Amino acid sequence: MKQPIFAFTALFLALCLAPLPLQAAEVDADGANTPDRQDVIRILQLSGELDNVRLIVRKMHAMAKERYSEANPDRAERVAEIVQQEMQAELNSALPKLADMMAEAWLPHLTQRDVNVLLQFYSSPTWTKLRGKRQEISQEGMILARGWANAFAQQADQRIQNRLQEEGLAP
């Protein structure tokens, strides 16, 4: 008698806990669904996330150009053209796959409502203005951060020395 009840309970739990096969999108606590992958890719494009890849490829391009040009010093100019063309072709081919992979990483952390808000922001004149100044702002921030880090290190070092002296541990 216990086996049929156990089997029924196991079947009931399996049906209740299994995801519904016809479920179109997950729903979060707010009732918002899982975002559309293409919308997330659009965010990656508008936000400049994919532009970071271009910076890396530029560095790779410079290294490849140098390496191949050194191997063919008499034809360095032609080699540089080929390296440029092939690196660009590969980037054009590989970037959509990278965008899809990046979107995959973002999807579990966003709802469609989040994506809509981000799309609205990244499509705004405010973001366009900030995006155009990102490098300038980053450089200014790095200069400020260096100054802060130097002051922090000096203050922390002084505190450590004072404490070590207080406890008789200073040289």
C-alpha atoms as a PDB file:
ATOM      1  CA  MET A   1       0.000   0.000   0.000  1.00  0.00           C
ATOM      2  CA  LYS A   2       2.876   2.361   0.718  1.00  0.00           C
ATOM      3  CA  GLN A   3       4.429   1.891  -2.743  1.00  0.00           C
ATOM      4  CA  PRO A   4       1.424   3.244  -4.724  1.00  0.00           C
ATOM      5  CA  ILE A   5       1.220   6.286  -2.407  1.00  0.00           C
ATOM      6  CA  PHE A   6       4.974   6.847  -2.772  1.00  0.00           C
ATOM      7  CA  ALA A   7       4.758   6.476  -6.561  1.00  0.00           C
ATOM      8  CA  PHE A   8       1.800   8.868  -6.727  1.00  0.00           C
ATOM      9  CA  THR A   9       3.577  11.411  -4.487  1.00  0.00           C
ATOM     10  CA  ALA A  10       6.779  11.170  -6.547  1.00  0.00           C
ATOM     11  CA  LEU A  11       4.837  11.621  -9.803  1.00  0.00           C
ATOM     12  CA  PHE A  12       2.878  14.545  -8.338  1.00  0.00           C
ATOM     13  CA  LEU A  13       6.080  16.270  -7.139  1.00  0.00           C
ATOM     14  CA  ALA A  14       7.819  15.650 -10.464  1.00  0.00           C
ATOM     15  CA  LEU A  15       4.914  17.228 -12.367  1.00  0.00           C
ATOM     16  CA  CYS A  16       4.675  20.171  -9.990  1.00  0.00           C
ATOM     17  CA  LEU A  17       8.399  20.904  -9.917  1.00  0.00           C
ATOM     18  CA  ALA A  18       9.128  20.335 -13.609  1.00  0.00           C
ATOM     19  CA  PRO A  19       9.191  23.416 -15.839  1.00  0.00           C
ATOM     20  CA  LEU A  20       6.237  23.693 -18.148  1.00  0.00           C
ATOM     21  CA  PRO A  21       7.272  22.764 -21.676  1.00  0.00           C
ATOM     22  CA  LEU A  22       5.040  25.415 -23.249  1.00  0.00           C
ATOM     23  CA  GLN A  23       6.263  28.168 -20.992  1.00  0.00           C
ATOM     24  CA  ALA A  24       7.406  31.011 -23.302  1.00  0.00           C
ATOM     25  CA  ALA A  25       9.534  32.913 -20.805  1.00  0.00           C
ATOM     26  CA  GLU A  26      10.441  32.782 -17.166  1.00  0.00           C
ATOM     27  CA  VAL A  27       8.690  35.223 -14.893  1.00  0.00           C
ATOM     28  CA  ASP A  28      10.474  36.916 -12.027  1.00  0.00           C
ATOM     29  CA  ALA A  29       8.983  38.026  -8.704  1.00  0.00           C
ATOM     30  CA  ASP A  30       7.662  41.225 -10.288  1.00  0.00           C
ATOM     31  CA  GLY A  31       5.967  39.305 -13.070  1.00  0.00           C
ATOM     32  CA  ALA A  32       8.432  40.495 -15.722  1.00  0.00           C
ATOM     33  CA  ASN A  33       9.669  37.974 -18.246  1.00  0.00           C
ATOM     34  CA  THR A  34      13.137  36.932 -19.334  1.00  0.00           C
ATOM     35  CA  PRO A  35      14.539  39.485 -21.766  1.00  0.00           C
ATOM     36  CA  ASP A  36      14.833  39.098 -25.489  1.00  0.00           C
ATOM     37  CA  ARG A  37      18.391  38.142 -26.485  1.00  0.00           C
ATOM     38  CA  GLN A  38      18.456  40.620 -29.390  1.00  0.00           C
ATOM     39  CA  ASP A  39      17.498  43.448 -27.031  1.00  0.00           C
ATOM     40  CA  VAL A  40      20.396  42.529 -24.743  1.00  0.00           C
ATOM     41  CA  ILE A  41      22.768  42.463 -27.723  1.00  0.00           C
ATOM     42  CA  ARG A  42      21.476  45.920 -28.660  1.00  0.00           C
ATOM     43  CA  ILE A  43      22.347  47.101 -25.125  1.00  0.00           C
ATOM     44  CA  LEU A  44      25.859  45.712 -25.563  1.00  0.00           C
ATOM     45  CA  GLN A  45      26.183  47.652 -28.810  1.00  0.00           C
ATOM     46  CA  LEU A  46      24.699  50.925 -27.556  1.00  0.00           C
ATOM     47  CA  SER A  47      26.550  50.867 -24.238  1.00  0.00           C
ATOM     48  CA  GLY A  48      29.934  50.414 -25.866  1.00  0.00           C
ATOM     49  CA  GLU A  49      30.627  47.041 -24.249  1.00  0.00           C
ATOM     50  CA  LEU A  50      31.475  45.575 -27.641  1.00  0.00           C
ATOM     51  CA  ASP A  51      33.761  48.523 -28.409  1.00  0.00           C
ATOM     52  CA  ASN A  52      36.110  47.235 -25.705  1.00  0.00           C
ATOM     53  CA  VAL A  53      36.693  44.205 -27.906  1.00  0.00           C
ATOM     54  CA  ARG A  54      37.807  46.490 -30.709  1.00  0.00           C
ATOM     55  CA  LEU A  55      40.473  47.961 -28.416  1.00  0.00           C
ATOM     56  CA  ILE A  56      41.813  44.488 -27.701  1.00  0.00           C
ATOM     57  CA  VAL A  57      41.773  43.615 -31.405  1.00  0.00           C
ATOM     58  CA  ARG A  58      43.739  46.796 -32.191  1.00  0.00           C
ATOM     59  CA  LYS A  59      46.471  45.621 -29.828  1.00  0.00           C
ATOM     60  CA  MET A  60      46.388  42.152 -31.361  1.00  0.00           C
ATOM     61  CA  HIS A  61      46.550  43.747 -34.812  1.00  0.00           C
ATOM     62  CA  ALA A  62      49.669  45.726 -33.888  1.00  0.00           C
ATOM     63  CA  MET A  63      51.389  42.614 -32.545  1.00  0.00           C
ATOM     64  CA  ALA A  64      50.436  40.524 -35.604  1.00  0.00           C
ATOM     65  CA  LYS A  65      51.526  43.286 -37.979  1.00  0.00           C
ATOM     66  CA  GLU A  66      54.908  43.517 -36.268  1.00  0.00           C
ATOM     67  CA  ARG A  67      55.402  39.755 -36.176  1.00  0.00           C
ATOM     68  CA  TYR A  68      54.481  39.143 -39.811  1.00  0.00           C
ATOM     69  CA  SER A  69      56.307  42.235 -41.066  1.00  0.00           C
ATOM     70  CA  GLU A  70      59.515  41.142 -39.332  1.00  0.00           C
ATOM     71  CA  ALA A  71      59.241  37.790 -41.100  1.00  0.00           C
ATOM     72  CA  ASN A  72      58.865  39.607 -44.455  1.00  0.00           C
ATOM     73  CA  PRO A  73      60.824  42.864 -44.144  1.00  0.00           C
ATOM     74  CA  ASP A  74      61.025  43.392 -47.907  1.00  0.00           C
ATOM     75  CA  ARG A  75      57.230  43.296 -48.236  1.00  0.00           C
ATOM     76  CA  ALA A  76      56.285  44.857 -44.887  1.00  0.00           C
ATOM     77  CA  GLU A  77      53.758  47.257 -46.394  1.00  0.00           C
ATOM     78  CA  ARG A  78      51.877  44.508 -48.235  1.00  0.00           C
ATOM     79  CA  VAL A  79      52.036  42.278 -45.174  1.00  0.00           C
ATOM     80  CA  ALA A  80      50.533  45.088 -43.076  1.00  0.00           C
ATOM     81  CA  GLU A  81      47.649  45.428 -45.565  1.00  0.00           C
ATOM     82  CA  ILE A  82      46.950  41.699 -45.443  1.00  0.00           C
ATOM     83  CA  VAL A  83      47.087  41.626 -41.636  1.00  0.00           C
ATOM     84  CA  GLN A  84      44.649  44.561 -41.488  1.00  0.00           C
ATOM     85  CA  GLN A  85      42.223  42.987 -43.967  1.00  0.00           C
ATOM     86  CA  GLU A  86      42.250  39.566 -42.350  1.00  0.00           C
ATOM     87  CA  MET A  87      41.997  40.866 -38.781  1.00  0.00           C
ATOM     88  CA  GLN A  88      39.005  43.003 -39.820  1.00  0.00           C
ATOM     89  CA  ALA A  89      37.371  40.093 -41.645  1.00  0.00           C
ATOM     90  CA  GLU A  90      37.836  37.840 -38.624  1.00  0.00           C
ATOM     91  CA  LEU A  91      36.475  40.502 -36.284  1.00  0.00           C
ATOM     92  CA  ASN A  92      33.417  40.979 -38.504  1.00  0.00           C
ATOM     93  CA  SER A  93      32.892  37.220 -38.466  1.00  0.00           C
ATOM     94  CA  ALA A  94      33.572  36.651 -34.752  1.00  0.00           C
ATOM     95  CA  LEU A  95      31.914  39.702 -33.173  1.00  0.00           C
ATOM     96  CA  PRO A  96      28.314  38.458 -33.556  1.00  0.00           C
ATOM     97  CA  LYS A  97      29.257  35.219 -31.777  1.00  0.00           C
ATOM     98  CA  LEU A  98      30.931  37.164 -28.967  1.00  0.00           C
ATOM     99  CA  ALA A  99      27.892  39.432 -28.661  1.00  0.00           C
ATOM    100  CA  ASP A 100      25.693  36.350 -28.360  1.00  0.00           C
ATOM    101  CA  MET A 101      27.995  34.864 -25.704  1.00  0.00           C
ATOM    102  CA  MET A 102      28.002  38.123 -23.745  1.00  0.00           C
ATOM    103  CA  ALA A 103      24.221  38.337 -23.982  1.00  0.00           C
ATOM    104  CA  GLU A 104      24.035  34.812 -22.566  1.00  0.00           C
ATOM    105  CA  ALA A 105      25.965  36.018 -19.512  1.00  0.00           C
ATOM    106  CA  TRP A 106      23.657  39.019 -19.059  1.00  0.00           C
ATOM    107  CA  LEU A 107      20.305  37.262 -19.607  1.00  0.00           C
ATOM    108  CA  PRO A 108      19.960  35.607 -16.180  1.00  0.00           C
ATOM    109  CA  HIS A 109      20.475  38.946 -14.450  1.00  0.00           C
ATOM    110  CA  LEU A 110      17.881  41.036 -16.277  1.00  0.00           C
ATOM    111  CA  THR A 111      14.170  41.115 -16.915  1.00  0.00           C
ATOM    112  CA  GLN A 112      12.608  42.543 -20.061  1.00  0.00           C
ATOM    113  CA  ARG A 113      11.557  45.521 -17.956  1.00  0.00           C
ATOM    114  CA  ASP A 114      15.235  46.102 -17.017  1.00  0.00           C
ATOM    115  CA  VAL A 115      16.242  45.794 -20.652  1.00  0.00           C
ATOM    116  CA  ASN A 116      13.603  48.290 -21.749  1.00  0.00           C
ATOM    117  CA  VAL A 117      14.860  50.829 -19.214  1.00  0.00           C
ATOM    118  CA  LEU A 118      18.462  50.281 -20.298  1.00  0.00           C
ATOM    119  CA  LEU A 119      17.559  50.551 -23.971  1.00  0.00           C
ATOM    120  CA  GLN A 120      15.764  53.799 -23.281  1.00  0.00           C
ATOM    121  CA  PHE A 121      18.803  55.176 -21.428  1.00  0.00           C
ATOM    122  CA  TYR A 122      21.397  53.979 -23.941  1.00  0.00           C
ATOM    123  CA  SER A 123      19.311  55.489 -26.739  1.00  0.00           C
ATOM    124  CA  SER A 124      19.066  58.854 -24.976  1.00  0.00           C
ATOM    125  CA  PRO A 125      20.955  62.067 -25.740  1.00  0.00           C
ATOM    126  CA  THR A 126      22.386  61.904 -22.215  1.00  0.00           C
ATOM    127  CA  TRP A 127      24.123  58.589 -22.904  1.00  0.00           C
ATOM    128  CA  THR A 128      25.263  59.787 -26.318  1.00  0.00           C
ATOM    129  CA  LYS A 129      26.893  62.773 -24.601  1.00  0.00           C
ATOM    130  CA  LEU A 130      28.513  60.636 -21.887  1.00  0.00           C
ATOM    131  CA  ARG A 131      29.659  57.969 -24.316  1.00  0.00           C
ATOM    132  CA  GLY A 132      31.458  60.572 -26.361  1.00  0.00           C
ATOM    133  CA  LYS A 133      33.301  61.713 -23.249  1.00  0.00           C
ATOM    134  CA  ARG A 134      33.982  58.294 -21.695  1.00  0.00           C
ATOM    135  CA  GLN A 135      37.687  58.265 -22.477  1.00  0.00           C
ATOM    136  CA  GLU A 136      38.165  61.801 -21.133  1.00  0.00           C
ATOM    137  CA  ILE A 137      36.153  61.026 -18.003  1.00  0.00           C
ATOM    138  CA  SER A 138      38.049  57.749 -17.468  1.00  0.00           C
ATOM    139  CA  GLN A 139      41.416  59.495 -17.759  1.00  0.00           C
ATOM    140  CA  GLU A 140      40.357  62.200 -15.309  1.00  0.00           C
ATOM    141  CA  GLY A 141      39.058  59.549 -12.933  1.00  0.00           C
ATOM    142  CA  MET A 142      42.312  57.588 -13.135  1.00  0.00           C
ATOM    143  CA  ILE A 143      44.338  60.711 -12.320  1.00  0.00           C
ATOM    144  CA  LEU A 144      42.105  61.423  -9.334  1.00  0.00           C
ATOM    145  CA  ALA A 145      42.240  57.787  -8.224  1.00  0.00           C
ATOM    146  CA  ARG A 146      46.049  57.780  -8.370  1.00  0.00           C
ATOM    147  CA  GLY A 147      46.165  60.874  -6.180  1.00  0.00           C
ATOM    148  CA  TRP A 148      43.709  59.324  -3.758  1.00  0.00           C
ATOM    149  CA  ALA A 149      45.663  56.039  -3.712  1.00  0.00           C
ATOM    150  CA  ASN A 150      48.924  57.831  -2.947  1.00  0.00           C
ATOM    151  CA  ALA A 151      47.351  59.802  -0.087  1.00  0.00           C
ATOM    152  CA  PHE A 152      45.646  56.660   1.198  1.00  0.00           C
ATOM    153  CA  ALA A 153      48.905  54.686   1.140  1.00  0.00           C
ATOM    154  CA  GLN A 154      50.736  57.433   3.024  1.00  0.00           C
ATOM    155  CA  GLN A 155      48.007  57.732   5.664  1.00  0.00           C
ATOM    156  CA  ALA A 156      47.693  53.971   6.078  1.00  0.00           C
ATOM    157  CA  ASP A 157      51.473  53.632   6.340  1.00  0.00           C
ATOM    158  CA  GLN A 158      51.579  56.353   9.016  1.00  0.00           C
ATOM    159  CA  ARG A 159      48.808  54.654  10.990  1.00  0.00           C
ATOM    160  CA  ILE A 160      50.593  51.304  10.787  1.00  0.00           C
ATOM    161  CA  GLN A 161      53.895  52.841  11.934  1.00  0.00           C
ATOM    162  CA  ASN A 162      52.166  54.641  14.825  1.00  0.00           C
ATOM    163  CA  ARG A 163      50.421  51.462  15.926  1.00  0.00           C
ATOM    164  CA  LEU A 164      53.599  49.401  15.706  1.00  0.00           C
ATOM    165  CA  GLN A 165      55.420  52.003  17.805  1.00  0.00           C
ATOM    166  CA  GLU A 166      52.602  52.026  20.375  1.00  0.00           C
ATOM    167  CA  GLU A 167      52.913  48.272  20.757  1.00  0.00           C
ATOM    168  CA  GLY A 168      56.703  48.291  20.765  1.00  0.00           C
ATOM    169  CA  LEU A 169      56.947  46.473  17.461  1.00  0.00           C
ATOM    170  CA  ALA A 170      58.551  49.237  15.388  1.00  0.00           C
ATOM    171  CA  PRO A 171      62.204  48.856  14.378  1.00  0.00           C
END
